[in-house]
């Protein structure tokens, strides 16, 4: 029974190497006059994650990586 449960556990995904290679990611700085709409930015994050085979449960960490300091404060 433990083997069955182990098969369904989420395996840890190492994002660091992927993010180091992803140099042209969409940046969201928190400036509404210069930033794209949030929905558009999130679609770019999603597309980049799908392209790089990043599991969906890690997408929020990718989005946080590409947020500027002002956006993170909010």
N, C-alpha and C. Protein backbone atom coordinates (compact mmCIF):
# COMPACT_ATOMS: atom_id res chain seq x y z
N UNK A 1 0.82 -1.20 0.00
CA UNK A 1 0.00 0.00 0.00
C UNK A 1 0.86 1.26 0.00
N UNK A 2 1.98 1.24 0.72
CA UNK A 2 2.86 2.41 0.76
C UNK A 2 3.43 2.74 -0.61
N UNK A 3 3.69 1.72 -1.42
CA UNK A 3 4.21 1.95 -2.76
C UNK A 3 3.21 2.72 -3.62
N UNK A 4 1.94 2.40 -3.45
CA UNK A 4 0.90 3.10 -4.20
C UNK A 4 0.85 4.57 -3.78
N UNK A 5 0.89 4.82 -2.49
CA UNK A 5 0.87 6.20 -2.01
C UNK A 5 2.10 6.98 -2.45
N UNK A 6 3.25 6.35 -2.46
CA UNK A 6 4.48 6.99 -2.91
C UNK A 6 4.40 7.40 -4.37
N UNK A 7 3.72 6.62 -5.18
CA UNK A 7 3.59 6.91 -6.61
C UNK A 7 2.83 8.20 -6.85
N UNK A 8 1.92 8.56 -5.93
CA UNK A 8 1.10 9.76 -6.12
C UNK A 8 1.67 11.00 -5.46
N UNK A 9 2.74 10.86 -4.72
CA UNK A 9 3.35 12.02 -4.09
C UNK A 9 4.02 12.89 -5.15
N UNK A 10 3.96 14.18 -4.94
CA UNK A 10 4.58 15.13 -5.86
C UNK A 10 6.10 15.10 -5.64
N UNK A 11 6.80 14.88 -6.69
CA UNK A 11 8.27 14.84 -6.63
C UNK A 11 8.79 16.27 -6.61
N UNK A 12 9.82 16.56 -5.83
CA UNK A 12 10.37 17.92 -5.81
C UNK A 12 10.97 18.26 -7.17
N UNK A 13 10.78 19.51 -7.57
CA UNK A 13 11.29 19.97 -8.85
C UNK A 13 12.31 21.07 -8.58
N UNK A 14 13.50 20.92 -9.13
CA UNK A 14 14.57 21.90 -8.95
C UNK A 14 14.42 23.01 -9.97
N UNK A 15 13.92 24.15 -9.52
CA UNK A 15 13.67 25.29 -10.41
C UNK A 15 14.92 26.10 -10.73
N UNK A 16 15.87 26.09 -9.85
CA UNK A 16 17.05 26.96 -10.01
C UNK A 16 17.73 26.84 -11.38
N UNK A 17 18.03 25.64 -11.86
CA UNK A 17 18.69 25.56 -13.18
C UNK A 17 17.82 26.11 -14.31
N UNK A 18 16.53 25.88 -14.21
CA UNK A 18 15.61 26.37 -15.25
C UNK A 18 15.57 27.90 -15.24
N UNK A 19 15.46 28.48 -14.04
CA UNK A 19 15.38 29.94 -13.94
C UNK A 19 16.70 30.61 -14.33
N UNK A 20 17.82 29.95 -14.08
CA UNK A 20 19.11 30.51 -14.49
C UNK A 20 19.23 30.60 -16.01
N UNK A 21 18.64 29.65 -16.71
CA UNK A 21 18.70 29.65 -18.18
C UNK A 21 17.62 30.53 -18.80
N UNK A 22 16.56 30.81 -18.06
CA UNK A 22 15.43 31.60 -18.57
C UNK A 22 15.74 33.08 -18.33
N UNK A 23 16.52 33.65 -19.21
CA UNK A 23 17.00 35.03 -19.06
C UNK A 23 16.00 36.08 -19.54
N UNK A 24 15.11 35.72 -20.47
CA UNK A 24 14.20 36.70 -21.06
C UNK A 24 12.77 36.56 -20.54
N UNK A 25 12.62 36.16 -19.28
CA UNK A 25 11.30 35.98 -18.69
C UNK A 25 10.54 37.29 -18.58
N UNK A 26 9.21 37.21 -18.57
CA UNK A 26 8.39 38.42 -18.49
C UNK A 26 8.45 39.03 -17.09
N UNK A 27 8.93 40.25 -17.00
CA UNK A 27 9.08 40.93 -15.71
C UNK A 27 7.83 41.75 -15.41
N UNK A 28 7.37 41.66 -14.17
CA UNK A 28 6.26 42.49 -13.70
C UNK A 28 6.78 43.30 -12.54
N UNK A 29 6.96 44.62 -12.76
CA UNK A 29 7.61 45.46 -11.76
C UNK A 29 6.65 46.12 -10.79
N UNK A 30 5.37 46.09 -11.07
CA UNK A 30 4.40 46.72 -10.18
C UNK A 30 4.09 48.16 -10.57
N UNK A 31 4.44 48.55 -11.77
CA UNK A 31 4.16 49.89 -12.27
C UNK A 31 3.02 49.78 -13.29
N UNK A 32 1.80 50.18 -12.91
CA UNK A 32 0.66 50.00 -13.82
C UNK A 32 0.76 50.76 -15.14
N UNK A 33 1.58 51.80 -15.19
CA UNK A 33 1.72 52.57 -16.42
C UNK A 33 2.64 51.88 -17.43
N UNK A 34 3.57 51.06 -16.95
CA UNK A 34 4.54 50.43 -17.84
C UNK A 34 4.36 48.93 -17.98
N UNK A 35 3.82 48.29 -16.96
CA UNK A 35 3.65 46.83 -16.99
C UNK A 35 2.47 46.43 -17.88
N UNK A 36 2.54 45.22 -18.44
CA UNK A 36 1.39 44.71 -19.18
C UNK A 36 0.27 44.36 -18.20
N UNK A 37 -0.95 44.17 -18.67
CA UNK A 37 -2.02 43.72 -17.76
C UNK A 37 -1.62 42.41 -17.08
N UNK A 38 -2.06 42.23 -15.86
CA UNK A 38 -1.68 41.06 -15.07
C UNK A 38 -2.03 39.77 -15.80
N UNK A 39 -3.22 39.72 -16.40
CA UNK A 39 -3.66 38.50 -17.10
C UNK A 39 -2.70 38.16 -18.24
N UNK A 40 -2.26 39.18 -18.97
CA UNK A 40 -1.33 38.97 -20.08
C UNK A 40 0.02 38.46 -19.55
N UNK A 41 0.50 39.05 -18.47
CA UNK A 41 1.77 38.63 -17.86
C UNK A 41 1.68 37.19 -17.38
N UNK A 42 0.57 36.84 -16.72
CA UNK A 42 0.40 35.48 -16.23
C UNK A 42 0.34 34.47 -17.38
N UNK A 43 -0.26 34.85 -18.49
CA UNK A 43 -0.29 33.95 -19.66
C UNK A 43 1.12 33.71 -20.20
N UNK A 44 1.96 34.74 -20.17
CA UNK A 44 3.35 34.57 -20.60
C UNK A 44 4.12 33.66 -19.66
N UNK A 45 3.85 33.81 -18.35
CA UNK A 45 4.48 32.92 -17.36
C UNK A 45 4.04 31.49 -17.62
N UNK A 46 2.74 31.30 -17.81
CA UNK A 46 2.20 29.96 -18.06
C UNK A 46 2.81 29.35 -19.31
N UNK A 47 2.86 30.11 -20.40
CA UNK A 47 3.41 29.61 -21.65
C UNK A 47 4.88 29.22 -21.49
N UNK A 48 5.65 30.04 -20.77
CA UNK A 48 7.06 29.72 -20.54
C UNK A 48 7.24 28.48 -19.68
N UNK A 49 6.36 28.32 -18.71
CA UNK A 49 6.44 27.14 -17.84
C UNK A 49 6.09 25.87 -18.62
N UNK A 50 5.08 25.95 -19.45
CA UNK A 50 4.69 24.79 -20.26
C UNK A 50 5.82 24.43 -21.23
N UNK A 51 6.41 25.45 -21.84
CA UNK A 51 7.52 25.24 -22.78
C UNK A 51 8.72 24.57 -22.11
N UNK A 52 8.93 24.89 -20.83
CA UNK A 52 10.09 24.36 -20.11
C UNK A 52 9.75 23.15 -19.23
N UNK A 53 8.54 22.63 -19.39
CA UNK A 53 8.07 21.44 -18.65
C UNK A 53 8.14 21.62 -17.14
N UNK A 54 7.78 22.80 -16.67
CA UNK A 54 7.73 23.07 -15.24
C UNK A 54 6.37 22.61 -14.73
N UNK A 55 6.33 21.82 -13.67
CA UNK A 55 5.04 21.36 -13.14
C UNK A 55 4.16 22.53 -12.70
N UNK A 56 2.87 22.38 -12.89
CA UNK A 56 1.92 23.46 -12.58
C UNK A 56 2.00 23.92 -11.13
N UNK A 57 2.30 23.01 -10.23
CA UNK A 57 2.37 23.40 -8.81
C UNK A 57 3.57 24.31 -8.51
N UNK A 58 4.45 24.52 -9.48
CA UNK A 58 5.61 25.41 -9.30
C UNK A 58 5.45 26.75 -10.02
N UNK A 59 4.38 26.92 -10.75
CA UNK A 59 4.21 28.13 -11.55
C UNK A 59 4.19 29.38 -10.68
N UNK A 60 3.62 29.32 -9.50
CA UNK A 60 3.58 30.51 -8.64
C UNK A 60 4.99 30.93 -8.22
N UNK A 61 5.88 29.98 -8.05
CA UNK A 61 7.27 30.31 -7.69
C UNK A 61 7.98 30.98 -8.87
N UNK A 62 7.66 30.54 -10.07
CA UNK A 62 8.24 31.17 -11.27
C UNK A 62 7.74 32.61 -11.37
N UNK A 63 6.44 32.81 -11.15
CA UNK A 63 5.88 34.16 -11.21
C UNK A 63 6.54 35.06 -10.18
N UNK A 64 6.75 34.56 -8.97
CA UNK A 64 7.41 35.35 -7.94
C UNK A 64 8.84 35.72 -8.34
N UNK A 65 9.50 34.80 -9.02
CA UNK A 65 10.87 35.05 -9.47
C UNK A 65 10.92 36.23 -10.44
N UNK A 66 9.91 36.37 -11.28
CA UNK A 66 9.90 37.41 -12.30
C UNK A 66 9.14 38.67 -11.88
N UNK A 67 8.91 38.83 -10.58
CA UNK A 67 8.28 40.04 -10.06
C UNK A 67 9.35 40.97 -9.52
N UNK A 68 9.16 42.25 -9.77
CA UNK A 68 10.06 43.25 -9.22
C UNK A 68 9.78 43.48 -7.74
N UNK A 69 10.64 44.22 -7.09
CA UNK A 69 10.50 44.47 -5.64
C UNK A 69 9.19 45.17 -5.31
N UNK A 70 8.81 46.14 -6.12
CA UNK A 70 7.58 46.89 -5.87
C UNK A 70 6.36 45.99 -5.98
N UNK A 71 6.37 45.11 -6.94
CA UNK A 71 5.26 44.18 -7.12
C UNK A 71 5.20 43.17 -5.98
N UNK A 72 6.34 42.72 -5.50
CA UNK A 72 6.38 41.75 -4.41
C UNK A 72 5.85 42.36 -3.12
N UNK A 73 6.09 43.63 -2.91
CA UNK A 73 5.62 44.30 -1.70
C UNK A 73 4.10 44.31 -1.60
N UNK A 74 3.45 44.41 -2.74
CA UNK A 74 1.99 44.46 -2.74
C UNK A 74 1.48 43.10 -2.40
